[in-house]
């Protein structure tokens, strides 16, 4: 047998021994991990509560997610009404207001639409809009809408945060009484994001 054949046999035997040793000492390790993410759930706690406070007219309200639609039905000069509402954080992530907007609904035109973003108004000031609604006999008339309670500085803690607000709607008392009543609606949107 020549030297090259002997070296080849030694190499093959050595590799075999190394393979057996590796197989005896190797082990497969499997790790399983579970990752739970937080939930982001901000919405109106229940149906908003509308109530006329003075004058002739009715006010309606309904909510879905973070949008509340408010309607005025046959509101006459001097009418005012309020809508009380509560917004809850039932998720596990803290939240804060990024902007508050009012959008025109049936029959309404927003004169100063905003949006009033966080920091635009001071924390103690109401967010206010003027809207135009059609009347029965005199064309259109401006109506005032403003909210208090929930501002650009409102925050919610995780899982239990609650904030309450009031939307106010008023028909100026300086209008003539033969206007036929005002009818229309607007949608208030409270826009939020995660609060680090």
Protein backbone atom coordinates (compact mmCIF):
# COMPACT_ATOMS: atom_id res chain seq x y z
CA UNK A 1 0.00 0.00 0.00
CA UNK A 2 1.36 3.31 -0.85
CA UNK A 3 1.51 6.37 1.33
CA UNK A 4 -1.27 8.24 -0.45
CA UNK A 5 -3.73 5.37 0.06
CA UNK A 6 -2.82 5.17 3.74
CA UNK A 7 -3.31 8.93 4.20
CA UNK A 8 -6.71 8.72 2.47
CA UNK A 9 -7.82 5.89 4.77
CA UNK A 10 -6.67 7.83 7.86
CA UNK A 11 -8.54 10.95 6.70
CA UNK A 12 -11.75 9.00 6.05
CA UNK A 13 -11.55 7.27 9.45
CA UNK A 14 -10.84 10.60 11.20
CA UNK A 15 -13.81 12.29 9.57
CA UNK A 16 -16.00 9.35 10.57
CA UNK A 17 -14.88 9.58 14.20
CA UNK A 18 -15.50 13.38 14.20
CA UNK A 19 -19.00 12.82 12.74
CA UNK A 20 -19.85 10.26 15.41
CA UNK A 21 -18.57 12.59 18.12
CA UNK A 22 -20.55 15.52 16.76
CA UNK A 23 -23.72 13.42 16.56
CA UNK A 24 -23.28 12.27 20.15
CA UNK A 25 -22.83 15.82 21.47
CA UNK A 26 -25.29 17.81 19.29
CA UNK A 27 -28.78 18.70 20.42
CA UNK A 28 -31.67 20.60 18.85
CA UNK A 29 -33.08 23.41 20.97
CA UNK A 30 -36.56 24.76 20.15
CA UNK A 31 -37.85 27.92 21.83
CA UNK A 32 -41.50 29.05 21.69
CA UNK A 33 -42.50 32.61 22.58
CA UNK A 34 -45.88 34.34 22.82
CA UNK A 35 -46.14 38.06 22.03
CA UNK A 36 -49.20 39.97 23.18
CA UNK A 37 -49.79 43.42 21.70
CA UNK A 38 -51.91 46.14 23.27
CA UNK A 39 -55.38 47.12 22.12
CA UNK A 40 -56.42 50.63 21.09
CA UNK A 41 -60.15 51.09 21.75
CA UNK A 42 -61.43 54.66 22.18
CA UNK A 43 -65.14 55.38 21.65
CA UNK A 44 -68.27 57.01 22.99
CA UNK A 45 -69.27 55.21 26.20
CA UNK A 46 -72.96 55.14 25.39
CA UNK A 47 -75.55 57.07 23.46
CA UNK A 48 -75.09 60.82 23.85
CA UNK A 49 -77.84 62.52 25.86
CA UNK A 50 -79.49 65.47 24.06
CA UNK A 51 -81.65 67.94 25.93
CA UNK A 52 -83.25 71.21 24.86
CA UNK A 53 -82.60 73.88 27.45
CA UNK A 54 -84.58 76.90 26.24
CA UNK A 55 -86.90 77.86 23.41
CA UNK A 56 -88.75 75.89 20.75
CA UNK A 57 -87.02 73.07 18.89
CA UNK A 58 -85.60 69.60 19.37
CA UNK A 59 -82.08 68.27 19.35
CA UNK A 60 -81.03 64.68 18.51
CA UNK A 61 -77.73 62.85 18.86
CA UNK A 62 -76.20 59.50 17.94
CA UNK A 63 -72.64 58.20 18.13
CA UNK A 64 -70.50 55.64 16.35
CA UNK A 65 -66.82 55.15 17.20
CA UNK A 66 -65.44 58.65 17.77
CA UNK A 67 -68.06 60.43 15.64
CA UNK A 68 -71.22 61.99 17.04
CA UNK A 69 -73.98 63.31 14.79
CA UNK A 70 -76.15 66.07 16.26
CA UNK A 71 -79.36 67.23 14.62
CA UNK A 72 -81.48 70.33 15.14
CA UNK A 73 -85.14 70.01 14.23
CA UNK A 74 -87.27 73.14 13.79
CA UNK A 75 -85.16 75.34 16.05
CA UNK A 76 -86.55 78.85 16.50
CA UNK A 77 -84.82 82.05 17.67
CA UNK A 78 -83.67 81.73 21.24
CA UNK A 79 -83.51 77.92 21.13
CA UNK A 80 -80.51 76.29 22.77
CA UNK A 81 -79.75 72.70 23.56
CA UNK A 82 -76.95 70.54 24.85
CA UNK A 83 -75.66 67.04 24.24
CA UNK A 84 -73.78 65.38 27.11
CA UNK A 85 -71.33 62.67 26.10
CA UNK A 86 -68.57 60.51 27.55
CA UNK A 87 -65.63 58.96 25.74
CA UNK A 88 -63.91 55.89 27.25
CA UNK A 89 -60.61 54.15 26.67
CA UNK A 90 -61.36 50.45 27.06
CA UNK A 91 -58.10 49.41 25.41
CA UNK A 92 -54.71 48.81 27.00
CA UNK A 93 -52.90 51.73 25.34
CA UNK A 94 -53.08 55.32 26.74
CA UNK A 95 -54.48 57.88 24.29
CA UNK A 96 -54.68 61.64 23.68
CA UNK A 97 -56.67 64.04 21.48
CA UNK A 98 -54.95 65.10 18.25
CA UNK A 99 -57.76 67.21 16.79
CA UNK A 100 -61.45 67.99 17.10
CA UNK A 101 -63.41 68.61 13.92
CA UNK A 102 -66.97 69.46 12.97
CA UNK A 103 -68.31 68.35 9.58
CA UNK A 104 -71.45 69.55 7.83
CA UNK A 105 -74.33 67.10 7.75
CA UNK A 106 -77.81 67.37 6.30
CA UNK A 107 -78.65 70.97 5.44
CA UNK A 108 -75.61 72.48 7.21
CA UNK A 109 -72.68 74.55 5.98
CA UNK A 110 -69.69 75.10 8.26
CA UNK A 111 -68.57 78.74 8.16
CA UNK A 112 -65.30 78.28 10.07
CA UNK A 113 -64.56 74.56 9.79
CA UNK A 114 -61.28 74.33 11.71
CA UNK A 115 -60.07 71.73 12.48
CA UNK A 116 -59.02 72.92 15.87
CA UNK A 117 -55.92 70.84 16.45
CA UNK A 118 -54.15 70.16 19.71
CA UNK A 119 -52.58 73.41 20.89
CA UNK A 120 -54.72 75.68 18.70
CA UNK A 121 -56.99 76.69 21.55
CA UNK A 122 -56.07 77.02 25.20
CA UNK A 123 -57.02 74.10 27.41
CA UNK A 124 -59.74 76.12 29.16
CA UNK A 125 -61.35 77.44 25.97
CA UNK A 126 -64.26 75.85 24.18
CA UNK A 127 -63.91 74.66 20.60
CA UNK A 128 -66.43 76.76 18.67
CA UNK A 129 -67.90 76.85 15.16
CA UNK A 130 -70.50 78.88 13.32
CA UNK A 131 -72.74 76.92 11.00
CA UNK A 132 -75.41 77.96 8.55
CA UNK A 133 -78.72 76.11 8.43
CA UNK A 134 -81.65 76.61 6.05
CA UNK A 135 -84.78 78.13 7.54
CA UNK A 136 -88.36 77.72 6.41
CA UNK A 137 -88.93 81.28 5.16
CA UNK A 138 -85.85 83.51 5.30
CA UNK A 139 -83.07 81.59 3.52
CA UNK A 140 -80.22 80.60 5.83
CA UNK A 141 -79.26 81.56 9.36
CA UNK A 142 -76.09 81.21 11.42
CA UNK A 143 -76.17 78.91 14.43
CA UNK A 144 -73.45 78.59 17.05
CA UNK A 145 -71.97 75.23 18.08
CA UNK A 146 -69.34 74.81 20.77
CA UNK A 147 -67.98 72.04 22.96
CA UNK A 148 -66.55 72.06 26.45
CA UNK A 149 -64.97 69.39 28.62
CA UNK A 150 -62.93 67.55 26.00
CA UNK A 151 -60.15 69.78 24.70
CA UNK A 152 -56.93 69.49 22.76
CA UNK A 153 -55.21 68.54 26.04
CA UNK A 154 -57.51 65.61 26.92
CA UNK A 155 -55.77 62.29 27.63
CA UNK A 156 -57.02 58.85 28.63
CA UNK A 157 -55.19 56.30 30.74
CA UNK A 158 -55.11 52.68 29.62
CA UNK A 159 -58.10 50.43 30.33
CA UNK A 160 -60.06 52.89 32.45
CA UNK A 161 -59.68 56.40 31.07
CA UNK A 162 -62.88 58.44 30.84
CA UNK A 163 -63.49 62.00 29.64
CA UNK A 164 -66.82 63.81 29.46
CA UNK A 165 -67.91 66.76 27.38
CA UNK A 166 -70.88 68.87 26.36
CA UNK A 167 -71.82 70.01 22.87
CA UNK A 168 -73.88 73.21 22.93
CA UNK A 169 -76.03 74.48 20.07
CA UNK A 170 -77.75 77.87 20.02
CA UNK A 171 -80.01 79.74 17.59
CA UNK A 172 -79.50 83.50 18.11
CA UNK A 173 -82.50 85.14 19.77
CA UNK A 174 -82.11 88.24 17.56
CA UNK A 175 -83.69 86.48 14.56
CA UNK A 176 -87.25 87.11 13.50
CA UNK A 177 -89.81 84.56 14.66
CA UNK A 178 -91.39 84.02 11.22
CA UNK A 179 -88.31 82.20 9.92
CA UNK A 180 -90.04 78.79 9.90
CA UNK A 181 -87.50 77.00 12.12
CA UNK A 182 -84.01 75.70 11.40
CA UNK A 183 -83.27 72.06 10.57
CA UNK A 184 -79.94 70.39 9.88
CA UNK A 185 -77.15 68.26 11.34
CA UNK A 186 -73.41 68.25 11.99
CA UNK A 187 -70.93 65.52 12.92
CA UNK A 188 -68.38 66.06 15.68
CA UNK A 189 -65.21 63.96 15.41
CA UNK A 190 -62.71 63.49 18.22
CA UNK A 191 -59.44 62.30 16.66
CA UNK A 192 -56.96 60.49 18.90
CA UNK A 193 -53.55 58.84 18.92
CA UNK A 194 -51.41 56.83 21.31
CA UNK A 195 -50.16 58.84 24.31
CA UNK A 196 -46.57 57.75 24.95
